[in-house]
Amino acid sequence: MELDLKGKSALITGGSKGIGLATARVFAGEGVALHLAARTESDLERARDEIEANFDVPIAIHPADLSKGDVARDLARDCAEVDILVNNAGAIPGGTLQDIGEDAWRQAWDLKLFGYINLMRAVYAVMKARGRGVIVNICGTAGNQKPSLYAAGISANSALIALTRALGGTSLNDGIRVLGINPGDMVNERGIMFLKRQAVKVFGDESRWREMMSGLPGGSAPSSEDMANAIVFLTSPRARYISGTVLTIDGGLSGSQAVIGS
């Protein structure tokens, strides 16, 4: 299927690893010019060099700490021409309400929650003036499932899911589509780290992390590439009337939760 994305441009935060890097690769294959943002310049350089070796698209890298509002707004100004924004930067530590101290809570939210908000506010205004654009927020299934052992994460993800739905519910009036992706447990760098921690708790052996996937649909977990394929399709003109929705990609796990007593 031709996605009609050639000649477009995209800004991807957290673009040096995981979902961000996988999305950059798929966009590059569609002929999309790239702006990749992340904290670490050396990681961005590796990502850029890898993509340039395989695809003939312009790539600009932006080392940036997006937990700082002024940095996010500067990035938006530097990338004012982009057609697509993929908000993906940020990882929130696990723990209960009592486990996570205020400093750690605020530090995580400054990047994952306010980083998204600051970039959306700045980029949306430019897109509105042009009358076109797409914004995709990478949230997380924890925002729907709400496990108490991930208190800071479920709170941020829930807020992003609600904001994405609310903004996307009216954004087409400005020529903009706003939508989101909820990744489930994944086989990527961060996902494997989580599975190893769970394997230590269950088996006392992190090397048995693959066994933690046995209870997932099909006995497997999605990859960053699975998320990237969905993101790129949803940003394309083929999905022109999709806005205000957050797609959960977890193999149906969240839809199979048992009712008490069933």
C-alpha atoms as a PDB file:
ATOM      1  CA  MET A   1       0.000   0.000   0.000  1.00  0.00           C
ATOM      2  CA  GLU A   2       1.341   3.436  -0.934  1.00  0.00           C
ATOM      3  CA  LEU A   3       1.131   5.632   2.161  1.00  0.00           C
ATOM      4  CA  ASP A   4       1.687   8.945   0.347  1.00  0.00           C
ATOM      5  CA  LEU A   5       4.234  10.120   2.916  1.00  0.00           C
ATOM      6  CA  LYS A   6       7.152  10.818   0.586  1.00  0.00           C
ATOM      7  CA  GLY A   7       8.358  14.401   0.983  1.00  0.00           C
ATOM      8  CA  LYS A   8       6.845  14.816   4.451  1.00  0.00           C
ATOM      9  CA  SER A   9       8.937  15.533   7.536  1.00  0.00           C
ATOM     10  CA  ALA A  10       8.713  14.169  11.080  1.00  0.00           C
ATOM     11  CA  LEU A  11      10.102  15.054  14.492  1.00  0.00           C
ATOM     12  CA  ILE A  12      10.561  12.011  16.733  1.00  0.00           C
ATOM     13  CA  THR A  13      11.519  12.463  20.377  1.00  0.00           C
ATOM     14  CA  GLY A  14      13.329   9.594  22.017  1.00  0.00           C
ATOM     15  CA  GLY A  15      14.436   8.948  18.467  1.00  0.00           C
ATOM     16  CA  SER A  16      17.751   7.224  19.159  1.00  0.00           C
ATOM     17  CA  LYS A  17      16.454   3.924  20.571  1.00  0.00           C
ATOM     18  CA  GLY A  18      13.468   1.620  20.876  1.00  0.00           C
ATOM     19  CA  ILE A  19      10.151   2.687  19.407  1.00  0.00           C
ATOM     20  CA  GLY A  20      11.558   6.037  18.314  1.00  0.00           C
ATOM     21  CA  LEU A  21      14.407   4.566  16.293  1.00  0.00           C
ATOM     22  CA  ALA A  22      12.198   1.858  14.789  1.00  0.00           C
ATOM     23  CA  THR A  23       9.695   4.527  13.758  1.00  0.00           C
ATOM     24  CA  ALA A  24      12.470   6.602  12.207  1.00  0.00           C
ATOM     25  CA  ARG A  25      13.549   3.614  10.102  1.00  0.00           C
ATOM     26  CA  VAL A  26      10.018   3.007   8.798  1.00  0.00           C
ATOM     27  CA  PHE A  27       9.499   6.702   8.054  1.00  0.00           C
ATOM     28  CA  ALA A  28      12.822   6.782   6.202  1.00  0.00           C
ATOM     29  CA  GLY A  29      11.671   3.874   4.076  1.00  0.00           C
ATOM     30  CA  GLU A  30       8.641   5.955   3.109  1.00  0.00           C
ATOM     31  CA  GLY A  31      10.823   8.907   2.088  1.00  0.00           C
ATOM     32  CA  VAL A  32      10.120  11.064   5.151  1.00  0.00           C
ATOM     33  CA  ALA A  33      12.745  13.614   6.238  1.00  0.00           C
ATOM     34  CA  LEU A  34      13.688  13.137   9.885  1.00  0.00           C
ATOM     35  CA  HIS A  35      14.388  15.206  12.958  1.00  0.00           C
ATOM     36  CA  LEU A  36      15.551  12.963  15.814  1.00  0.00           C
ATOM     37  CA  ALA A  37      15.698  14.276  19.377  1.00  0.00           C
ATOM     38  CA  ALA A  38      17.124  12.610  22.490  1.00  0.00           C
ATOM     39  CA  ARG A  39      19.353  13.482  25.426  1.00  0.00           C
ATOM     40  CA  THR A  40      22.566  11.798  24.278  1.00  0.00           C
ATOM     41  CA  GLU A  41      24.307  13.097  21.156  1.00  0.00           C
ATOM     42  CA  SER A  42      26.388   9.959  20.604  1.00  0.00           C
ATOM     43  CA  ASP A  43      23.236   7.799  20.529  1.00  0.00           C
ATOM     44  CA  LEU A  44      21.658  10.168  18.026  1.00  0.00           C
ATOM     45  CA  GLU A  45      24.756  10.068  15.846  1.00  0.00           C
ATOM     46  CA  ARG A  46      24.661   6.258  15.771  1.00  0.00           C
ATOM     47  CA  ALA A  47      20.972   6.307  14.859  1.00  0.00           C
ATOM     48  CA  ARG A  48      21.550   8.876  12.109  1.00  0.00           C
ATOM     49  CA  ASP A  49      24.512   6.989  10.643  1.00  0.00           C
ATOM     50  CA  GLU A  50      22.605   3.705  10.598  1.00  0.00           C
ATOM     51  CA  ILE A  51      19.588   5.211   8.836  1.00  0.00           C
ATOM     52  CA  GLU A  52      21.723   7.168   6.357  1.00  0.00           C
ATOM     53  CA  ALA A  53      23.492   3.938   5.414  1.00  0.00           C
ATOM     54  CA  ASN A  54      20.187   2.425   4.329  1.00  0.00           C
ATOM     55  CA  PHE A  55      17.942   5.286   3.213  1.00  0.00           C
ATOM     56  CA  ASP A  56      18.373   8.470   1.216  1.00  0.00           C
ATOM     57  CA  VAL A  57      16.508  10.985   3.375  1.00  0.00           C
ATOM     58  CA  PRO A  58      17.641  14.154   5.185  1.00  0.00           C
ATOM     59  CA  ILE A  59      18.257  13.572   8.897  1.00  0.00           C
ATOM     60  CA  ALA A  60      18.856  16.245  11.516  1.00  0.00           C
ATOM     61  CA  ILE A  61      19.712  15.349  15.115  1.00  0.00           C
ATOM     62  CA  HIS A  62      18.844  17.433  18.168  1.00  0.00           C
ATOM     63  CA  PRO A  63      20.504  16.605  21.495  1.00  0.00           C
ATOM     64  CA  ALA A  64      17.993  17.975  23.978  1.00  0.00           C
ATOM     65  CA  ASP A  65      16.747  17.512  27.527  1.00  0.00           C
ATOM     66  CA  LEU A  66      13.019  17.827  26.911  1.00  0.00           C
ATOM     67  CA  SER A  67      12.213  17.839  30.605  1.00  0.00           C
ATOM     68  CA  LYS A  68      13.002  21.557  30.412  1.00  0.00           C
ATOM     69  CA  GLY A  69      10.210  23.649  28.941  1.00  0.00           C
ATOM     70  CA  ASP A  70      12.442  26.189  27.209  1.00  0.00           C
ATOM     71  CA  VAL A  71      14.408  23.378  25.537  1.00  0.00           C
ATOM     72  CA  ALA A  72      11.184  21.813  24.239  1.00  0.00           C
ATOM     73  CA  ARG A  73      10.014  25.161  22.880  1.00  0.00           C
ATOM     74  CA  ASP A  74      13.402  25.777  21.222  1.00  0.00           C
ATOM     75  CA  LEU A  75      13.182  22.364  19.566  1.00  0.00           C
ATOM     76  CA  ALA A  76       9.698  23.177  18.289  1.00  0.00           C
ATOM     77  CA  ARG A  77      11.016  26.405  16.752  1.00  0.00           C
ATOM     78  CA  ASP A  78      13.951  24.583  15.157  1.00  0.00           C
ATOM     79  CA  CYS A  79      11.570  22.018  13.641  1.00  0.00           C
ATOM     80  CA  ALA A  80       8.695  24.360  12.851  1.00  0.00           C
ATOM     81  CA  GLU A  81       8.261  22.959   9.349  1.00  0.00           C
ATOM     82  CA  VAL A  82       7.539  19.340  10.366  1.00  0.00           C
ATOM     83  CA  ASP A  83       4.346  17.681   9.219  1.00  0.00           C
ATOM     84  CA  ILE A  84       4.397  15.016  11.941  1.00  0.00           C
ATOM     85  CA  LEU A  85       5.311  15.029  15.642  1.00  0.00           C
ATOM     86  CA  VAL A  86       5.866  11.729  17.453  1.00  0.00           C
ATOM     87  CA  ASN A  87       6.112  12.276  21.211  1.00  0.00           C
ATOM     88  CA  ASN A  88       8.029   9.284  22.528  1.00  0.00           C
ATOM     89  CA  ALA A  89      10.699  10.468  24.999  1.00  0.00           C
ATOM     90  CA  GLY A  90      10.485   9.427  28.606  1.00  0.00           C
ATOM     91  CA  ALA A  91      10.572   6.488  30.988  1.00  0.00           C
ATOM     92  CA  ILE A  92       8.916   6.454  34.389  1.00  0.00           C
ATOM     93  CA  PRO A  93      10.246   4.294  37.244  1.00  0.00           C
ATOM     94  CA  GLY A  94       8.094   1.595  38.781  1.00  0.00           C
ATOM     95  CA  GLY A  95       6.924   1.680  42.365  1.00  0.00           C
ATOM     96  CA  THR A  96       3.904   2.281  44.563  1.00  0.00           C
ATOM     97  CA  LEU A  97       2.688   5.656  45.773  1.00  0.00           C
ATOM     98  CA  GLN A  98       4.963   5.346  48.792  1.00  0.00           C
ATOM     99  CA  ASP A  99       7.959   3.967  46.890  1.00  0.00           C
ATOM    100  CA  ILE A 100       8.496   6.970  44.610  1.00  0.00           C
ATOM    101  CA  GLY A 101       9.721  10.139  46.282  1.00  0.00           C
ATOM    102  CA  GLU A 102       8.597  13.570  45.155  1.00  0.00           C
ATOM    103  CA  ASP A 103      11.852  14.421  43.366  1.00  0.00           C
ATOM    104  CA  ALA A 104      11.804  11.204  41.311  1.00  0.00           C
ATOM    105  CA  TRP A 105       8.093  11.642  40.591  1.00  0.00           C
ATOM    106  CA  ARG A 106       8.540  15.207  39.352  1.00  0.00           C
ATOM    107  CA  GLN A 107      11.664  14.355  37.330  1.00  0.00           C
ATOM    108  CA  ALA A 108       9.813  11.569  35.493  1.00  0.00           C
ATOM    109  CA  TRP A 109       6.759  13.723  34.843  1.00  0.00           C
ATOM    110  CA  ASP A 110       8.842  16.669  33.635  1.00  0.00           C
ATOM    111  CA  LEU A 111       9.972  14.533  30.698  1.00  0.00           C
ATOM    112  CA  LYS A 112       7.141  12.101  29.917  1.00  0.00           C
ATOM    113  CA  LEU A 113       4.156  14.310  30.775  1.00  0.00           C
ATOM    114  CA  PHE A 114       5.216  17.948  30.573  1.00  0.00           C
ATOM    115  CA  GLY A 115       7.707  17.231  27.801  1.00  0.00           C
ATOM    116  CA  TYR A 116       4.809  15.980  25.673  1.00  0.00           C
ATOM    117  CA  ILE A 117       2.584  18.866  26.695  1.00  0.00           C
ATOM    118  CA  ASN A 118       5.177  21.567  25.991  1.00  0.00           C
ATOM    119  CA  LEU A 119       5.998  20.194  22.547  1.00  0.00           C
ATOM    120  CA  MET A 120       2.341  19.701  21.669  1.00  0.00           C
ATOM    121  CA  ARG A 121       1.473  23.257  22.638  1.00  0.00           C
ATOM    122  CA  ALA A 122       4.270  24.729  20.554  1.00  0.00           C
ATOM    123  CA  VAL A 123       3.946  22.443  17.524  1.00  0.00           C
ATOM    124  CA  TYR A 124       0.141  22.509  17.459  1.00  0.00           C
ATOM    125  CA  ALA A 125       0.137  26.293  17.167  1.00  0.00           C
ATOM    126  CA  VAL A 126       2.369  26.171  14.070  1.00  0.00           C
ATOM    127  CA  MET A 127       0.388  23.327  12.525  1.00  0.00           C
ATOM    128  CA  LYS A 128      -2.856  25.223  13.127  1.00  0.00           C
ATOM    129  CA  ALA A 129      -1.486  28.281  11.326  1.00  0.00           C
ATOM    130  CA  ARG A 130      -0.673  26.016   8.348  1.00  0.00           C
ATOM    131  CA  GLY A 131      -3.937  24.127   8.593  1.00  0.00           C
ATOM    132  CA  ARG A 132      -2.395  20.654   8.635  1.00  0.00           C
ATOM    133  CA  GLY A 133      -0.341  18.214  10.702  1.00  0.00           C
ATOM    134  CA  VAL A 134      -0.376  15.015  12.746  1.00  0.00           C
ATOM    135  CA  ILE A 135       0.629  14.489  16.375  1.00  0.00           C
ATOM    136  CA  VAL A 136       1.107  11.005  17.844  1.00  0.00           C
ATOM    137  CA  ASN A 137       1.636  10.489  21.580  1.00  0.00           C
ATOM    138  CA  ILE A 138       3.197   7.228  22.752  1.00  0.00           C
ATOM    139  CA  CYS A 139       1.448   6.598  26.070  1.00  0.00           C
ATOM    140  CA  GLY A 140       1.235   3.064  27.527  1.00  0.00           C
ATOM    141  CA  THR A 141      -1.283   0.387  28.466  1.00  0.00           C
ATOM    142  CA  ALA A 142      -0.645   1.045  32.155  1.00  0.00           C
ATOM    143  CA  GLY A 143      -2.779   4.147  31.702  1.00  0.00           C
ATOM    144  CA  ASN A 144      -5.758   1.868  31.124  1.00  0.00           C
ATOM    145  CA  GLN A 145      -4.869  -1.072  33.361  1.00  0.00           C
ATOM    146  CA  LYS A 146      -3.762   1.083  36.312  1.00  0.00           C
ATOM    147  CA  PRO A 147      -1.490  -1.308  38.266  1.00  0.00           C
ATOM    148  CA  SER A 148      -0.800   0.186  41.699  1.00  0.00           C
ATOM    149  CA  LEU A 149       2.856  -0.906  41.512  1.00  0.00           C
ATOM    150  CA  TYR A 150       3.394   1.691  38.759  1.00  0.00           C
ATOM    151  CA  ALA A 151       1.822   4.691  40.451  1.00  0.00           C
ATOM    152  CA  ALA A 152       3.770   7.476  38.745  1.00  0.00           C
ATOM    153  CA  GLY A 153       3.516   5.810  35.346  1.00  0.00           C
ATOM    154  CA  ILE A 154      -0.205   5.079  35.387  1.00  0.00           C
ATOM    155  CA  SER A 155      -0.914   8.649  36.445  1.00  0.00           C
ATOM    156  CA  ALA A 156       1.143  10.191  33.639  1.00  0.00           C
ATOM    157  CA  ASN A 157      -0.099   7.749  31.007  1.00  0.00           C
ATOM    158  CA  SER A 158      -3.725   8.250  32.046  1.00  0.00           C
ATOM    159  CA  ALA A 159      -3.299  12.019  31.746  1.00  0.00           C
ATOM    160  CA  LEU A 160      -1.719  11.702  28.289  1.00  0.00           C
ATOM    161  CA  ILE A 161      -4.432   9.331  27.087  1.00  0.00           C
ATOM    162  CA  ALA A 162      -7.154  11.717  28.263  1.00  0.00           C
ATOM    163  CA  LEU A 163      -5.439  14.768  26.756  1.00  0.00           C
ATOM    164  CA  THR A 164      -4.853  12.985  23.439  1.00  0.00           C
ATOM    165  CA  ARG A 165      -8.503  12.006  23.193  1.00  0.00           C
ATOM    166  CA  ALA A 166      -9.734  15.448  24.203  1.00  0.00           C
ATOM    167  CA  LEU A 167      -7.455  17.396  21.865  1.00  0.00           C
ATOM    168  CA  GLY A 168      -7.955  14.966  19.003  1.00  0.00           C
ATOM    169  CA  GLY A 169     -11.704  15.247  19.392  1.00  0.00           C
ATOM    170  CA  THR A 170     -11.682  18.780  17.985  1.00  0.00           C
ATOM    171  CA  SER A 171      -8.316  19.086  16.236  1.00  0.00           C
ATOM    172  CA  LEU A 172      -9.625  18.171  12.769  1.00  0.00           C
ATOM    173  CA  ASN A 173     -11.376  21.531  12.810  1.00  0.00           C
ATOM    174  CA  ASP A 174      -7.840  22.979  12.634  1.00  0.00           C
ATOM    175  CA  GLY A 175      -6.707  20.487   9.980  1.00  0.00           C
ATOM    176  CA  ILE A 176      -4.714  18.502  12.558  1.00  0.00           C
ATOM    177  CA  ARG A 177      -5.036  14.910  13.697  1.00  0.00           C
ATOM    178  CA  VAL A 178      -4.032  14.016  17.270  1.00  0.00           C
ATOM    179  CA  LEU A 179      -3.887  10.383  18.299  1.00  0.00           C
ATOM    180  CA  GLY A 180      -1.929   7.960  20.425  1.00  0.00           C
ATOM    181  CA  ILE A 181      -0.446   4.501  20.804  1.00  0.00           C
ATOM    182  CA  ASN A 182      -0.565   2.380  23.956  1.00  0.00           C
ATOM    183  CA  PRO A 183       2.246  -0.184  23.705  1.00  0.00           C
ATOM    184  CA  GLY A 184       1.874  -3.292  25.824  1.00  0.00           C
ATOM    185  CA  ASP A 185       4.781  -5.301  27.272  1.00  0.00           C
ATOM    186  CA  MET A 186       7.454  -5.332  24.591  1.00  0.00           C
ATOM    187  CA  VAL A 187      10.593  -7.102  23.467  1.00  0.00           C
ATOM    188  CA  ASN A 188      12.912  -4.130  23.290  1.00  0.00           C
ATOM    189  CA  GLU A 189      15.695  -2.804  25.499  1.00  0.00           C
ATOM    190  CA  ARG A 190      13.386  -1.362  28.144  1.00  0.00           C
ATOM    191  CA  GLY A 191      10.876  -4.197  27.932  1.00  0.00           C
ATOM    192  CA  ILE A 192      13.531  -6.880  28.382  1.00  0.00           C
ATOM    193  CA  MET A 193      14.890  -5.006  31.395  1.00  0.00           C
ATOM    194  CA  PHE A 194      11.421  -5.107  32.940  1.00  0.00           C
ATOM    195  CA  LEU A 195      10.974  -8.811  32.112  1.00  0.00           C
ATOM    196  CA  LYS A 196      14.339  -9.592  33.707  1.00  0.00           C
ATOM    197  CA  ARG A 197      13.273  -7.839  36.919  1.00  0.00           C
ATOM    198  CA  GLN A 198      10.067  -9.869  36.929  1.00  0.00           C
ATOM    199  CA  ALA A 199      12.015 -13.089  36.296  1.00  0.00           C
ATOM    200  CA  VAL A 200      14.186 -12.374  39.338  1.00  0.00           C
ATOM    201  CA  LYS A 201      11.056 -11.993  41.471  1.00  0.00           C
ATOM    202  CA  VAL A 202       9.385 -15.133  40.125  1.00  0.00           C
ATOM    203  CA  PHE A 203      12.316 -17.476  39.427  1.00  0.00           C
ATOM    204  CA  GLY A 204      15.256 -15.826  41.161  1.00  0.00           C
ATOM    205  CA  ASP A 205      17.021 -15.831  37.774  1.00  0.00           C
ATOM    206  CA  GLU A 206      16.931 -12.969  35.262  1.00  0.00           C
ATOM    207  CA  SER A 207      18.118 -15.248  32.445  1.00  0.00           C
ATOM    208  CA  ARG A 208      14.649 -16.836  32.464  1.00  0.00           C
ATOM    209  CA  TRP A 209      12.996 -13.594  31.331  1.00  0.00           C
ATOM    210  CA  ARG A 210      11.579 -15.189  28.174  1.00  0.00           C
ATOM    211  CA  GLU A 211       9.432 -17.436  30.338  1.00  0.00           C
ATOM    212  CA  MET A 212       7.627 -14.343  31.610  1.00  0.00           C
ATOM    213  CA  MET A 213       6.013 -14.019  28.171  1.00  0.00           C
ATOM    214  CA  SER A 214       4.275 -17.384  28.394  1.00  0.00           C
ATOM    215  CA  GLY A 215       1.116 -15.759  29.736  1.00  0.00           C
ATOM    216  CA  LEU A 216       0.946 -13.157  26.971  1.00  0.00           C
ATOM    217  CA  PRO A 217      -1.264 -13.623  23.900  1.00  0.00           C
ATOM    218  CA  GLY A 218       0.409 -16.133  21.583  1.00  0.00           C
ATOM    219  CA  GLY A 219       3.182 -16.579  24.150  1.00  0.00           C
ATOM    220  CA  SER A 220       5.053 -13.600  22.740  1.00  0.00           C
ATOM    221  CA  ALA A 221       5.354  -9.826  23.017  1.00  0.00           C
ATOM    222  CA  PRO A 222       5.357  -7.101  20.346  1.00  0.00           C
ATOM    223  CA  SER A 223       8.524  -5.414  19.127  1.00  0.00           C
ATOM    224  CA  SER A 224       9.389  -1.782  18.532  1.00  0.00           C
ATOM    225  CA  GLU A 225       8.849  -2.446  14.820  1.00  0.00           C
ATOM    226  CA  ASP A 226       5.244  -3.494  15.497  1.00  0.00           C
ATOM    227  CA  MET A 227       4.625  -0.118  17.117  1.00  0.00           C
ATOM    228  CA  ALA A 228       6.482   1.719  14.356  1.00  0.00           C
ATOM    229  CA  ASN A 229       4.386   0.171  11.593  1.00  0.00           C
ATOM    230  CA  ALA A 230       1.181   1.283  13.303  1.00  0.00           C
ATOM    231  CA  ILE A 231       2.518   4.787  13.990  1.00  0.00           C
ATOM    232  CA  VAL A 232       3.594   5.359  10.392  1.00  0.00           C
ATOM    233  CA  PHE A 233       0.276   4.138   8.981  1.00  0.00           C
ATOM    234  CA  LEU A 234      -1.696   6.322  11.393  1.00  0.00           C
ATOM    235  CA  THR A 235       0.278   9.417  10.399  1.00  0.00           C
ATOM    236  CA  SER A 236      -0.335   8.794   6.708  1.00  0.00           C
ATOM    237  CA  PRO A 237      -3.140  10.225   4.569  1.00  0.00           C
ATOM    238  CA  ARG A 238      -4.571   6.688   4.508  1.00  0.00           C
ATOM    239  CA  ALA A 239      -5.727   7.340   8.073  1.00  0.00           C
ATOM    240  CA  ARG A 240      -7.020  10.838   7.319  1.00  0.00           C
ATOM    241  CA  TYR A 241     -10.149  10.563   9.491  1.00  0.00           C
ATOM    242  CA  ILE A 242      -8.557   8.945  12.551  1.00  0.00           C
ATOM    243  CA  SER A 243      -8.191  11.429  15.390  1.00  0.00           C
ATOM    244  CA  GLY A 244      -8.891  11.504  19.110  1.00  0.00           C
ATOM    245  CA  THR A 245      -8.228   7.794  19.509  1.00  0.00           C
ATOM    246  CA  VAL A 246      -5.500   5.886  21.337  1.00  0.00           C
ATOM    247  CA  LEU A 247      -4.701   2.497  19.806  1.00  0.00           C
ATOM    248  CA  THR A 248      -3.715  -0.222  22.272  1.00  0.00           C
ATOM    249  CA  ILE A 249      -1.249  -2.741  20.838  1.00  0.00           C
ATOM    250  CA  ASP A 250      -0.997  -5.617  23.294  1.00  0.00           C
ATOM    251  CA  GLY A 251      -2.290  -8.632  21.375  1.00  0.00           C
ATOM    252  CA  GLY A 252      -5.694  -8.251  23.010  1.00  0.00           C
ATOM    253  CA  LEU A 253      -4.403  -8.746  26.568  1.00  0.00           C
ATOM    254  CA  SER A 254      -6.221  -5.749  28.038  1.00  0.00           C
ATOM    255  CA  GLY A 255      -9.440  -6.930  26.418  1.00  0.00           C
ATOM    256  CA  SER A 256      -9.179 -10.383  27.998  1.00  0.00           C
ATOM    257  CA  GLN A 257      -9.137  -9.338  31.641  1.00  0.00           C
ATOM    258  CA  ALA A 258     -11.353 -11.701  33.576  1.00  0.00           C
ATOM    259  CA  VAL A 259     -14.393 -10.525  35.506  1.00  0.00           C
ATOM    260  CA  ILE A 260     -14.299 -11.453  39.201  1.00  0.00           C
ATOM    261  CA  GLY A 261     -16.071 -14.756  39.676  1.00  0.00           C
ATOM    262  CA  SER A 262     -15.858 -15.755  36.018  1.00  0.00           C
END
